């Protein structure tokens, strides 16, 4: 559902981010307010167990433009992003990582790219100092190799896994309606669907700080991501994305009403 006059929806996913969730979503809100665009922020919590949703609720009570969504159980980053895209109401839909590894100051660059493209994605540029602070050596070793595999699925895209992407509303709804990946490969699947429908994709160089904590567990999640990549390739070859897809997690993401956060769940993904 589009809200007339609402220009921008920004989605930020969170998982066990207590201590940083409120500060990060408020920093995002401050930056968006400076842009002087009518906007909303959808902070979506993937069934955190550490009080993250309470922090998000505190931010939402203080700022009317923040909406808090919560999964009833741990679904995965992709599932949460997809449901938030369906619940968004802006003419442009953008998602970014909840830890703000991509600075909110880069949002205008994505918006400018969307003036002539259907989808705009970040091309990460990390300083050597920031890259050296990346906490897991195995993650540093696996990441470029996974990117090379993902580029087989979406050739011509230099950084398909970047977690900072923007979409015109019709592109966002098309991609969300074809979603099958509920994990970290949703980034790649979104681009695969965009390419399958001939949407124009623009890349934007963006500063990136990879030194923060990561929810990716390289061994377990890496195996799942490889399986998801193979499934995306198979769906492309079989033309599966030509029609809308059902989701087994449909109905498991709800919105927390502003009047009584963090209670009173309202379903936002039943359609």
Protein backbone atom coordinates (compact mmCIF):
# COMPACT_ATOMS: atom_id res chain seq x y z
CA UNK A 1 0.00 0.00 0.00
CA UNK A 2 1.34 3.39 -1.00
CA UNK A 3 0.76 6.39 1.25
CA UNK A 4 0.16 9.55 -0.84
CA UNK A 5 2.96 12.04 -0.35
CA UNK A 6 5.31 9.57 1.34
CA UNK A 7 8.52 9.77 -0.67
CA UNK A 8 10.85 7.28 1.01
CA UNK A 9 10.74 4.10 3.07
CA UNK A 10 13.99 2.97 4.69
CA UNK A 11 14.23 -0.55 6.11
CA UNK A 12 16.80 -1.56 8.73
CA UNK A 13 16.94 -5.17 9.98
CA UNK A 14 18.09 -6.05 13.51
CA UNK A 15 19.01 -9.28 15.27
CA UNK A 16 20.27 -9.31 18.89
CA UNK A 17 21.55 -5.72 18.69
CA UNK A 18 20.82 -4.49 22.20
CA UNK A 19 22.98 -1.55 23.13
CA UNK A 20 23.18 -0.25 19.56
CA UNK A 21 19.69 -0.63 18.08
CA UNK A 22 18.15 2.57 19.46
CA UNK A 23 21.20 4.74 18.77
CA UNK A 24 21.50 3.46 15.21
CA UNK A 25 17.85 3.89 14.27
CA UNK A 26 17.86 7.39 15.79
CA UNK A 27 20.99 8.33 13.85
CA UNK A 28 19.23 7.10 10.72
CA UNK A 29 16.15 9.16 11.61
CA UNK A 30 18.26 12.29 12.15
CA UNK A 31 19.88 11.94 8.73
CA UNK A 32 16.58 11.36 6.97
CA UNK A 33 15.01 14.38 8.66
CA UNK A 34 17.85 16.51 7.30
CA UNK A 35 16.96 15.42 3.76
CA UNK A 36 13.55 17.09 4.10
CA UNK A 37 11.75 14.19 2.42
CA UNK A 38 8.51 12.72 3.68
CA UNK A 39 9.72 9.35 4.95
CA UNK A 40 9.23 6.38 7.21
CA UNK A 41 11.71 3.99 8.84
CA UNK A 42 10.81 0.33 9.19
CA UNK A 43 12.97 -1.22 11.91
CA UNK A 44 12.40 -4.96 11.64
CA UNK A 45 13.51 -7.25 14.46
CA UNK A 46 14.21 -10.89 13.64
CA UNK A 47 12.95 -12.32 16.95
CA UNK A 48 15.87 -11.02 18.99
CA UNK A 49 16.22 -12.50 22.48
CA UNK A 50 18.18 -9.69 24.13
CA UNK A 51 15.82 -6.73 24.36
CA UNK A 52 16.49 -5.26 20.92
CA UNK A 53 12.79 -4.78 20.22
CA UNK A 54 12.36 -2.80 23.44
CA UNK A 55 15.11 -0.41 22.33
CA UNK A 56 13.47 -0.01 18.94
CA UNK A 57 10.16 0.64 20.68
CA UNK A 58 11.73 3.41 22.74
CA UNK A 59 12.93 5.08 19.55
CA UNK A 60 9.52 4.68 17.91
CA UNK A 61 7.72 6.30 20.84
CA UNK A 62 9.91 9.35 20.44
CA UNK A 63 9.66 9.61 16.65
CA UNK A 64 6.43 9.09 14.77
CA UNK A 65 8.17 8.17 11.50
CA UNK A 66 9.64 4.97 12.97
CA UNK A 67 7.63 1.78 12.59
CA UNK A 68 8.73 -1.37 14.43
CA UNK A 69 8.10 -4.77 12.88
CA UNK A 70 8.92 -8.04 14.59
CA UNK A 71 9.15 -11.66 13.44
CA UNK A 72 7.33 -14.14 15.66
CA UNK A 73 10.37 -16.43 15.42
CA UNK A 74 13.83 -16.28 13.86
CA UNK A 75 13.13 -16.23 10.11
CA UNK A 76 16.34 -14.88 8.56
CA UNK A 77 17.44 -11.51 7.26
CA UNK A 78 15.96 -12.04 3.80
CA UNK A 79 12.52 -12.97 5.09
CA UNK A 80 12.44 -9.91 7.34
CA UNK A 81 13.56 -7.58 4.55
CA UNK A 82 11.01 -8.98 2.12
CA UNK A 83 8.12 -8.62 4.56
CA UNK A 84 9.18 -5.07 5.38
CA UNK A 85 9.31 -4.26 1.65
CA UNK A 86 5.72 -5.48 1.36
CA UNK A 87 4.69 -3.36 4.34
CA UNK A 88 6.47 -0.22 3.10
CA UNK A 89 4.45 2.73 1.81
CA UNK A 90 6.99 5.04 0.17
CA UNK A 91 7.52 5.84 -3.50
CA UNK A 92 11.13 4.69 -3.06
CA UNK A 93 12.14 1.76 -0.85
CA UNK A 94 15.67 1.42 0.48
CA UNK A 95 17.26 -1.05 2.86
CA UNK A 96 20.47 -0.80 4.82
CA UNK A 97 22.14 -2.84 7.57
CA UNK A 98 21.00 -2.07 11.09
CA UNK A 99 24.59 -1.64 12.29
CA UNK A 100 24.97 1.27 9.83
CA UNK A 101 28.07 -0.21 8.23
CA UNK A 102 26.83 1.84 5.29
CA UNK A 103 26.66 5.45 6.49
CA UNK A 104 23.25 7.14 6.28
CA UNK A 105 25.02 10.06 4.60
CA UNK A 106 25.22 7.86 1.47
CA UNK A 107 21.43 7.70 1.06
CA UNK A 108 21.24 10.76 -1.25
CA UNK A 109 23.65 9.07 -3.69
CA UNK A 110 21.29 6.08 -4.04
CA UNK A 111 18.31 8.40 -4.46
CA UNK A 112 20.07 10.28 -7.26
CA UNK A 113 20.83 7.01 -9.04
CA UNK A 114 17.16 6.01 -8.84
CA UNK A 115 16.24 9.04 -10.91
CA UNK A 116 17.36 7.04 -13.96
CA UNK A 117 17.34 3.43 -12.73
CA UNK A 118 14.84 0.97 -11.25
CA UNK A 119 17.31 -0.40 -8.72
CA UNK A 120 20.37 1.24 -7.16
CA UNK A 121 22.93 -0.76 -5.21
CA UNK A 122 26.07 0.04 -3.28
CA UNK A 123 29.52 -0.87 -4.49
CA UNK A 124 31.48 -1.17 -1.28
CA UNK A 125 34.71 0.71 -0.77
CA UNK A 126 36.43 0.04 2.57
CA UNK A 127 39.60 1.70 3.74
CA UNK A 128 42.51 -0.62 4.40
CA UNK A 129 42.34 0.31 8.07
CA UNK A 130 38.63 -0.56 8.29
CA UNK A 131 39.10 -3.80 6.38
CA UNK A 132 41.87 -4.83 8.74
CA UNK A 133 39.43 -4.48 11.67
CA UNK A 134 36.99 -7.00 10.18
CA UNK A 135 36.60 -9.38 13.12
CA UNK A 136 36.79 -12.77 11.41
CA UNK A 137 39.65 -13.89 9.19
CA UNK A 138 37.56 -16.70 7.73
CA UNK A 139 34.88 -14.18 6.76
CA UNK A 140 37.50 -12.01 5.03
CA UNK A 141 38.73 -15.05 3.09
CA UNK A 142 35.28 -16.35 2.11
CA UNK A 143 33.63 -13.07 1.15
CA UNK A 144 35.42 -12.41 -2.18
CA UNK A 145 35.03 -16.04 -3.20
CA UNK A 146 31.32 -15.98 -2.53
CA UNK A 147 31.03 -12.73 -4.49
CA UNK A 148 32.65 -14.41 -7.48
CA UNK A 149 30.05 -17.19 -7.34
CA UNK A 150 27.21 -14.68 -6.99
CA UNK A 151 28.45 -12.85 -10.08
CA UNK A 152 27.73 -16.00 -12.10
CA UNK A 153 24.07 -15.50 -11.13
CA UNK A 154 24.04 -11.74 -11.78
CA UNK A 155 26.89 -11.05 -14.21
CA UNK A 156 28.01 -7.48 -14.58
CA UNK A 157 27.26 -6.55 -10.96
CA UNK A 158 30.48 -5.96 -9.05
CA UNK A 159 29.08 -6.26 -5.51
CA UNK A 160 25.82 -8.22 -5.46
CA UNK A 161 25.98 -8.94 -1.70
CA UNK A 162 26.15 -5.30 -0.54
CA UNK A 163 23.43 -4.77 2.04
CA UNK A 164 22.57 -1.25 0.87
CA UNK A 165 20.05 -1.17 -1.97
CA UNK A 166 17.30 1.12 -3.22
CA UNK A 167 14.26 0.43 -5.41
CA UNK A 168 11.52 2.35 -7.11
CA UNK A 169 8.28 1.22 -5.55
CA UNK A 170 7.07 -0.90 -8.46
CA UNK A 171 10.45 -2.67 -8.61
CA UNK A 172 10.40 -3.29 -4.84
CA UNK A 173 6.95 -4.85 -4.95
CA UNK A 174 7.79 -6.98 -7.99
CA UNK A 175 10.94 -8.33 -6.32
CA UNK A 176 9.24 -8.96 -2.98
CA UNK A 177 6.43 -10.87 -4.69
CA UNK A 178 8.96 -13.27 -6.25
CA UNK A 179 11.01 -13.84 -3.10
CA UNK A 180 11.99 -17.37 -2.07
CA UNK A 181 15.25 -16.78 -0.15
CA UNK A 182 14.82 -16.06 3.54
CA UNK A 183 18.51 -15.82 4.41
CA UNK A 184 21.50 -13.73 3.43
CA UNK A 185 21.18 -14.50 -0.31
CA UNK A 186 18.10 -12.31 -0.63
CA UNK A 187 20.45 -9.57 -1.88
CA UNK A 188 21.46 -11.76 -4.82
CA UNK A 189 17.91 -12.98 -5.44
CA UNK A 190 16.62 -9.40 -5.60
CA UNK A 191 19.12 -8.61 -8.35
CA UNK A 192 18.38 -11.88 -10.15
CA UNK A 193 14.67 -11.00 -10.27
CA UNK A 194 15.48 -7.47 -11.42
CA UNK A 195 17.60 -8.83 -14.27
CA UNK A 196 14.96 -11.42 -15.19
CA UNK A 197 12.45 -8.60 -15.73
CA UNK A 198 14.87 -6.30 -17.53
CA UNK A 199 15.02 -3.69 -14.78
CA UNK A 200 17.83 -1.16 -14.94
CA UNK A 201 20.37 -1.56 -12.12
CA UNK A 202 22.81 1.22 -11.19
CA UNK A 203 25.84 0.85 -8.94
CA UNK A 204 26.98 3.61 -6.58
CA UNK A 205 30.38 3.69 -4.81
CA UNK A 206 29.73 3.86 -1.08
CA UNK A 207 32.07 3.97 1.91
CA UNK A 208 31.72 0.91 4.10
CA UNK A 209 32.95 0.02 7.57
CA UNK A 210 33.14 -3.78 8.02
CA UNK A 211 34.58 -3.65 11.52
CA UNK A 212 31.33 -4.05 13.46
CA UNK A 213 29.85 -7.31 14.76
CA UNK A 214 28.37 -9.66 12.19
CA UNK A 215 25.45 -12.07 12.45
CA UNK A 216 26.97 -14.21 9.68
CA UNK A 217 28.52 -17.46 10.91
CA UNK A 218 30.87 -18.36 8.05
CA UNK A 219 30.77 -22.16 8.26
CA UNK A 220 27.09 -22.81 8.91
CA UNK A 221 25.68 -19.80 7.06
CA UNK A 222 28.22 -20.20 4.25
CA UNK A 223 26.89 -23.67 3.44
CA UNK A 224 23.31 -22.37 3.44
CA UNK A 225 24.26 -19.45 1.23
CA UNK A 226 25.86 -21.76 -1.33
CA UNK A 227 22.67 -23.84 -1.37
CA UNK A 228 20.58 -20.68 -1.81
CA UNK A 229 22.79 -19.52 -4.69
CA UNK A 230 22.33 -22.84 -6.44
CA UNK A 231 18.57 -22.60 -5.92
CA UNK A 232 18.47 -19.07 -7.37
CA UNK A 233 20.33 -20.25 -10.47
CA UNK A 234 17.94 -23.18 -10.86
CA UNK A 235 14.87 -20.92 -10.54
CA UNK A 236 16.26 -18.56 -13.16
CA UNK A 237 16.83 -21.41 -15.61
CA UNK A 238 13.36 -22.84 -15.02
CA UNK A 239 11.58 -19.48 -15.23
CA UNK A 240 10.21 -19.79 -11.69
CA UNK A 241 10.47 -16.04 -11.05
CA UNK A 242 8.03 -15.31 -13.87
CA UNK A 243 5.15 -15.70 -11.42
CA UNK A 244 4.57 -14.58 -7.80
CA UNK A 245 5.81 -16.97 -5.14
CA UNK A 246 4.22 -18.23 -1.92
CA UNK A 247 6.15 -17.92 1.33
CA UNK A 248 5.94 -20.43 4.16
CA UNK A 249 6.68 -17.64 6.63
CA UNK A 250 3.72 -15.54 5.42
CA UNK A 251 1.92 -13.96 8.38
CA UNK A 252 4.84 -14.25 10.81
CA UNK A 253 5.97 -10.61 10.72
CA UNK A 254 3.85 -8.15 12.70
CA UNK A 255 3.91 -4.45 13.42
CA UNK A 256 4.01 -3.09 16.95
CA UNK A 257 1.49 -0.26 17.28
CA UNK A 258 2.84 3.15 18.34
CA UNK A 259 0.26 3.53 21.08
CA UNK A 260 1.34 0.53 23.10
CA UNK A 261 4.85 -0.55 22.12
CA UNK A 262 6.10 -3.22 22.59
CA UNK A 263 2.68 -4.91 22.76
CA UNK A 264 -0.34 -5.38 20.51
CA UNK A 265 0.97 -7.10 17.40
CA UNK A 266 -0.68 -6.25 14.09
CA UNK A 267 -0.01 -8.54 11.14
CA UNK A 268 1.59 -6.83 8.15
CA UNK A 269 2.36 -9.77 5.87
CA UNK A 270 -0.86 -11.69 5.45
CA UNK A 271 -1.32 -10.66 1.83
